[in-house]
Protein backbone atom coordinates (compact mmCIF):
# COMPACT_ATOMS: atom_id res chain seq x y z
CA MET A 1 114.61 82.70 95.97
CA ILE A 2 112.99 85.86 97.28
CA ARG A 3 110.94 85.82 100.48
CA SER A 4 108.07 87.97 101.66
CA MET A 5 108.76 90.26 104.60
CA THR A 6 105.31 89.64 106.06
CA GLY A 7 104.46 86.25 107.50
CA PHE A 8 103.07 84.11 110.29
CA GLY A 9 104.49 81.12 112.13
CA LYS A 10 103.23 79.02 115.01
CA ALA A 11 104.51 76.02 116.96
CA THR A 12 103.30 74.09 120.01
CA VAL A 13 105.52 71.67 121.94
CA SER A 14 104.27 69.53 124.86
CA HIS A 15 106.08 67.41 127.42
CA GLU A 16 104.43 65.88 130.50
CA ASN A 17 102.46 68.74 132.12
CA ILE A 18 104.16 71.53 130.18
CA LYS A 19 102.86 72.92 126.89
CA ILE A 20 104.69 75.81 125.21
CA GLN A 21 103.24 77.80 122.33
CA VAL A 22 105.09 80.29 120.12
CA GLU A 23 103.54 82.68 117.60
CA ILE A 24 105.47 84.89 115.18
CA LYS A 25 103.87 87.70 113.17
CA ALA A 26 105.63 90.10 110.83
CA LEU A 27 104.81 93.26 108.86
CA ASN A 28 106.89 95.43 106.54
CA SER A 29 109.75 97.52 107.95
CA LYS A 30 113.00 98.91 106.56
CA GLN A 31 114.92 97.51 109.53
CA LEU A 32 114.44 94.77 112.14
CA ASP A 33 111.93 95.86 114.78
CA LEU A 34 111.67 92.84 117.10
CA ASN A 35 109.19 92.67 119.98
CA LEU A 36 109.89 89.52 122.03
CA LYS A 37 107.38 88.69 124.77
CA LEU A 38 108.48 86.03 127.29
CA PRO A 39 107.15 84.69 130.61
CA ALA A 40 109.12 85.76 133.69
CA ALA A 41 110.58 82.25 134.06
CA LEU A 42 112.35 82.59 130.69
CA LYS A 43 113.55 86.21 130.84
CA GLN A 44 117.09 84.95 131.35
CA MET A 45 117.07 83.70 127.73
CA GLU A 46 115.90 86.97 126.16
CA TYR A 47 119.33 88.20 125.01
CA GLU A 48 120.35 84.86 123.49
CA TRP A 49 117.02 84.37 121.75
CA ARG A 50 116.97 87.93 120.43
CA ASN A 51 120.31 87.36 118.73
CA MET A 52 119.11 84.07 117.26
CA LEU A 53 115.86 85.62 115.99
CA ALA A 54 117.64 88.66 114.53
CA GLN A 55 119.88 86.35 112.50
CA GLU A 56 117.02 84.15 111.30
CA LEU A 57 114.27 86.74 110.70
CA GLN A 58 116.57 89.51 109.38
CA ARG A 59 114.08 92.33 108.70
CA GLY A 60 110.52 93.43 109.39
CA LYS A 61 108.30 94.61 112.23
CA ILE A 62 108.12 91.30 114.08
CA GLU A 63 106.25 90.21 117.18
CA VAL A 64 107.24 86.96 118.89
CA LEU A 65 105.01 85.68 121.69
CA LEU A 66 106.05 82.66 123.80
CA SER A 67 103.52 81.44 126.36
CA PHE A 68 102.91 78.49 128.69
CA ASP A 69 99.71 76.53 128.94
CA GLU A 70 97.87 77.19 132.22
CA SER A 71 97.85 73.46 132.94
CA ALA A 72 101.53 73.75 133.74
CA GLY A 73 100.90 74.25 137.44
CA HIS A 74 104.45 74.97 138.63
CA LEU A 75 104.69 77.78 136.06
CA ALA A 76 101.38 79.44 136.73
CA GLY A 77 102.44 80.82 140.13
CA GLN A 78 100.71 80.84 143.53
CA ILE A 79 97.91 83.00 144.89
CA ASP A 80 99.17 86.07 146.74
CA THR A 81 97.21 85.60 149.99
CA LYS A 82 98.20 88.99 151.41
CA LEU A 83 96.92 90.76 148.31
CA ALA A 84 93.73 88.65 148.36
CA ALA A 85 93.10 89.62 151.99
CA PHE A 86 93.66 93.26 151.13
CA HIS A 87 91.08 93.10 148.29
CA ILE A 88 88.52 91.41 150.59
CA GLU A 89 88.99 94.07 153.27
CA GLN A 90 88.60 96.87 150.71
CA VAL A 91 85.38 95.36 149.35
CA LYS A 92 83.94 95.10 152.87
CA LYS A 93 84.79 98.75 153.64
CA LEU A 94 83.16 99.90 150.41
CA ALA A 95 80.04 97.80 151.15
CA GLU A 96 79.71 99.41 154.60
CA ALA A 97 80.41 102.92 153.36
CA PHE A 98 77.94 102.80 150.47
CA ASN A 99 75.46 100.35 151.95
CA PHE A 100 75.55 97.50 149.42
CA ASP A 101 76.06 93.76 149.70
CA PRO A 102 79.53 92.36 148.91
CA PRO A 103 79.80 89.98 145.90
CA ALA A 104 78.18 86.63 146.60
CA ASP A 105 81.00 84.73 144.88
CA MET A 106 84.00 86.43 146.46
CA ALA A 107 86.39 83.76 145.11
CA ALA A 108 85.42 84.44 141.48
CA TYR A 109 85.83 88.17 142.13
CA LEU A 110 89.31 87.75 143.59
CA LEU A 111 90.57 85.57 140.70
CA LYS A 112 89.79 88.40 138.29
CA MET A 113 91.89 90.94 140.20
CA PRO A 114 95.24 91.88 138.64
CA GLY A 115 98.33 90.54 140.36
CA ILE A 116 96.42 88.00 142.43
CA PHE A 117 98.79 85.26 141.22
CA ALA A 118 102.37 85.74 142.33
CA ALA A 119 104.57 84.79 139.37
CA ASP A 120 107.28 82.27 139.89
CA ASP A 121 110.41 84.30 139.13
CA SER A 122 112.82 81.44 139.63
CA ASP A 123 114.95 80.49 136.67
CA ALA A 124 113.62 77.72 134.44
CA ASP A 125 115.30 74.33 134.62
CA GLU A 126 117.31 72.89 131.73
CA GLU A 127 114.45 70.71 130.50
CA LEU A 128 112.11 73.69 130.26
CA LEU A 129 114.73 75.81 128.48
CA ALA A 130 115.35 73.04 125.95
CA LEU A 131 111.61 72.67 125.35
CA ALA A 132 111.16 76.42 124.89
CA THR A 133 114.13 76.63 122.51
CA THR A 134 112.74 73.77 120.43
CA SER A 135 109.33 75.40 120.16
CA LEU A 136 110.92 78.73 119.18
CA LYS A 137 113.00 77.13 116.43
CA GLU A 138 109.98 75.23 115.10
CA ALA A 139 107.97 78.46 114.94
CA VAL A 140 110.83 80.16 113.08
CA ALA A 141 110.91 77.28 110.57
CA THR A 142 107.14 77.53 110.03
CA PHE A 143 107.43 81.28 109.69
CA ASP A 144 110.23 80.97 107.11
CA HIS A 145 108.17 78.44 105.14
CA PHE A 146 105.29 80.94 105.05
CA ARG A 147 107.64 83.69 103.84
CA ARG A 148 109.02 81.50 101.07
CA ASN A 149 105.56 80.54 99.82
CA GLU A 150 104.56 84.19 99.74
CA GLY A 151 107.85 84.92 97.97
CA LYS A 152 106.96 82.50 95.16
CA VAL A 153 103.74 84.41 94.51
CA LEU A 154 105.60 87.72 94.52
CA GLU A 155 108.28 86.34 92.19
CA GLN A 156 105.66 85.26 89.64
CA ASP A 157 104.00 88.67 89.75
CA LEU A 158 107.28 90.60 89.41
CA SER A 159 108.51 88.36 86.58
CA ALA A 160 105.24 88.89 84.70
CA ARG A 161 105.47 92.67 85.05
CA ILE A 162 109.11 92.80 83.93
CA SER A 163 108.16 90.63 80.95
CA THR A 164 105.42 93.15 80.13
CA ILE A 165 107.97 95.98 80.16
CA GLN A 166 110.24 93.96 77.85
CA MET A 167 107.33 93.26 75.51
CA LEU A 168 106.43 96.97 75.41
CA LEU A 169 110.07 97.77 74.65
CA LYS A 170 109.94 95.48 71.62
CA GLU A 171 106.84 97.33 70.42
CA VAL A 172 108.90 100.53 70.29
CA GLU A 173 111.10 99.22 67.46
CA PRO A 174 108.45 99.16 64.66
CA LEU A 175 107.56 102.76 65.52
CA GLU A 176 111.13 104.05 65.25
CA SER A 177 111.24 104.15 61.44
CA GLU A 178 108.03 106.19 61.40
CA ARG A 179 109.46 108.43 64.14
CA LEU A 180 112.72 109.02 62.25
CA GLU A 181 110.90 109.75 58.99
CA THR A 182 108.66 112.31 60.71
CA VAL A 183 111.66 114.08 62.24
CA LYS A 184 113.55 113.97 58.94
CA LEU A 185 110.70 115.62 57.03
CA ARG A 186 110.32 118.28 59.70
CA LEU A 187 114.04 119.09 59.60
CA ILE A 188 114.10 119.32 55.78
CA LYS A 189 111.09 121.61 55.78
CA ASN A 190 112.61 123.92 58.40
CA LEU A 191 115.99 123.94 56.65
CA ASN A 192 114.44 124.85 53.30
CA GLU A 193 112.54 127.73 54.85
CA PHE A 194 115.63 128.86 56.74
CA ALA A 195 117.98 128.60 53.73
CA ALA A 196 115.72 130.74 51.55
CA SER A 197 116.22 133.79 53.73
CA VAL A 198 119.52 133.37 55.61
CA LYS A 199 123.07 132.43 54.67
CA TYR A 200 124.63 129.73 56.81
CA ASP A 201 127.82 127.70 57.23
CA GLU A 202 127.13 124.28 55.75
CA ASN A 203 129.89 122.59 57.79
CA ARG A 204 128.62 124.03 61.05
CA LEU A 205 125.07 123.07 60.12
CA GLU A 206 126.18 119.52 59.45
CA GLN A 207 127.87 119.33 62.85
CA GLU A 208 124.77 120.64 64.58
CA LEU A 209 122.57 118.13 62.76
CA ILE A 210 124.84 115.24 63.76
CA TYR A 211 124.76 116.41 67.39
CA TYR A 212 120.98 116.73 67.31
CA LEU A 213 120.51 113.28 65.78
CA GLU A 214 122.79 111.72 68.41
CA LYS A 215 120.75 113.33 71.19
CA PHE A 216 117.62 112.12 69.46
CA ASP A 217 118.79 108.48 69.22
CA ILE A 218 117.28 106.07 71.80
CA THR A 219 119.40 102.99 71.05
CA GLU A 220 121.44 103.23 74.25
CA GLU A 221 118.33 103.64 76.39
CA LYS A 222 116.75 100.56 74.84
CA VAL A 223 119.89 98.47 75.36
CA ARG A 224 120.32 99.57 78.98
CA LEU A 225 116.63 99.06 79.75
CA LYS A 226 116.80 95.51 78.40
CA GLN A 227 119.94 94.81 80.45
CA HIS A 228 118.37 96.13 83.64
CA CYS A 229 115.26 94.00 83.09
CA ASP A 230 117.38 90.88 82.54
CA TYR A 231 119.38 91.67 85.67
CA PHE A 232 116.15 92.12 87.65
CA ILE A 233 114.93 88.64 86.62
CA GLN A 234 118.32 87.16 87.50
CA THR A 235 118.30 88.80 90.94
CA LEU A 236 114.90 87.27 91.75
CA THR A 237 116.70 83.96 92.33
CA GLU A 238 118.91 85.42 95.08
CA GLU A 239 118.34 85.42 98.84
CA GLN A 240 117.57 88.72 100.63
CA ALA A 241 117.26 90.53 97.31
CA GLY A 242 114.68 93.16 98.32
CA LYS A 243 116.99 96.18 98.58
CA LYS A 244 118.99 95.15 95.52
CA LEU A 245 115.82 94.81 93.44
CA GLY A 246 114.84 98.28 94.63
CA PHE A 247 118.08 99.74 93.24
CA ILE A 248 117.62 97.94 89.92
CA SER A 249 114.04 99.22 89.64
CA GLN A 250 115.38 102.77 90.05
CA GLU A 251 117.72 102.22 87.10
CA ILE A 252 114.84 100.81 85.04
CA GLY A 253 112.85 103.94 85.86
CA ARG A 254 115.66 106.24 84.70
CA GLU A 255 115.88 104.54 81.31
CA ILE A 256 112.10 104.59 80.84
CA ASN A 257 111.99 108.30 81.70
CA THR A 258 114.82 109.12 79.27
CA LEU A 259 113.12 107.06 76.59
CA GLY A 260 109.96 109.08 77.09
CA SER A 261 111.74 112.43 77.02
CA LYS A 262 113.44 111.56 73.71
CA ALA A 263 110.47 109.87 72.06
CA ASN A 264 108.82 112.73 70.15
CA HIS A 265 106.24 110.21 69.01
CA ALA A 266 102.72 109.70 70.34
CA GLY A 267 102.79 105.90 69.94
CA ILE A 268 106.09 105.54 71.78
CA GLN A 269 104.88 107.88 74.51
CA ARG A 270 101.87 105.64 75.09
CA LEU A 271 104.16 102.62 75.42
CA VAL A 272 106.34 104.55 77.89
CA VAL A 273 103.28 105.37 80.01
CA GLN A 274 102.38 101.66 80.15
CA MET A 275 105.96 100.82 81.18
CA LYS A 276 105.79 103.38 83.98
CA ASP A 277 102.51 101.90 85.19
CA GLU A 278 104.04 98.41 85.40
CA LEU A 279 107.13 99.79 87.15
CA GLU A 280 105.04 101.54 89.82
CA LYS A 281 103.29 98.25 90.59
CA ILE A 282 106.69 96.56 90.82
CA LYS A 283 107.91 99.17 93.31
CA GLU A 284 104.83 98.65 95.47
CA GLN A 285 105.52 94.92 95.62
CA LEU A 286 109.19 95.46 96.47
CA TYR A 287 108.21 97.00 99.82
CA ASN A 288 107.09 93.51 100.85
CA ILE A 289 110.27 91.65 99.86
CA LEU A 290 112.96 90.65 102.33
């Protein structure tokens, strides 16, 4: 089953006074572009978790944010008293220099200053690491579920468009007899006009006509186009089929283009244009498939 490259996943795990939340967001990208944001207490796990996420998420421009709830007191850090004193002294100097009153609620002012809380850089204990790993895996599972649901919608759309191309291909067949008759009459007319004024080698002419008719025939293009469409539908059931489907769509495009160049018939040309329109919409959707 195909999966969408874009997606969203979220998980929250709580234990005692610790609550961990993980959010995963993804957009389209040819390769894996992973941005993992972790608290200082969990930086030691970054390499291991990056490898795990790369294996699970595979491709896309992905942002993973893991955060702790502020109620987890031992993780929030302590107030940097030296920095707080420095800010207070600076405010007083500015008030004296420019003759204004310092903030009435100095405490509220200090809490808004950057770096006022000294982060706890000590390594997380085993319980915290286990909790964080669980929340990360749950978010990945939710994210994958989102991708699969989006993939079902994409699969239905792609299948419908391929079916439209196959239906248009069938509409070419009734027009072929009319196309061949038109070409036949044109050839006979030109040959009669040519034979009235110029001598020619009948054997050579016959060879040239056979060559021309072979180049004019579109049977092979129709057969290959049908095969490519069937293969496309079959590949939709595979995992990580995005790039493979892209290659198949290129082959479908080649056959449609050749069919159009050989058509020499207004009705068939119109059908070819409709096929190209469906194929372009397919290619747009393929950018969003894992």
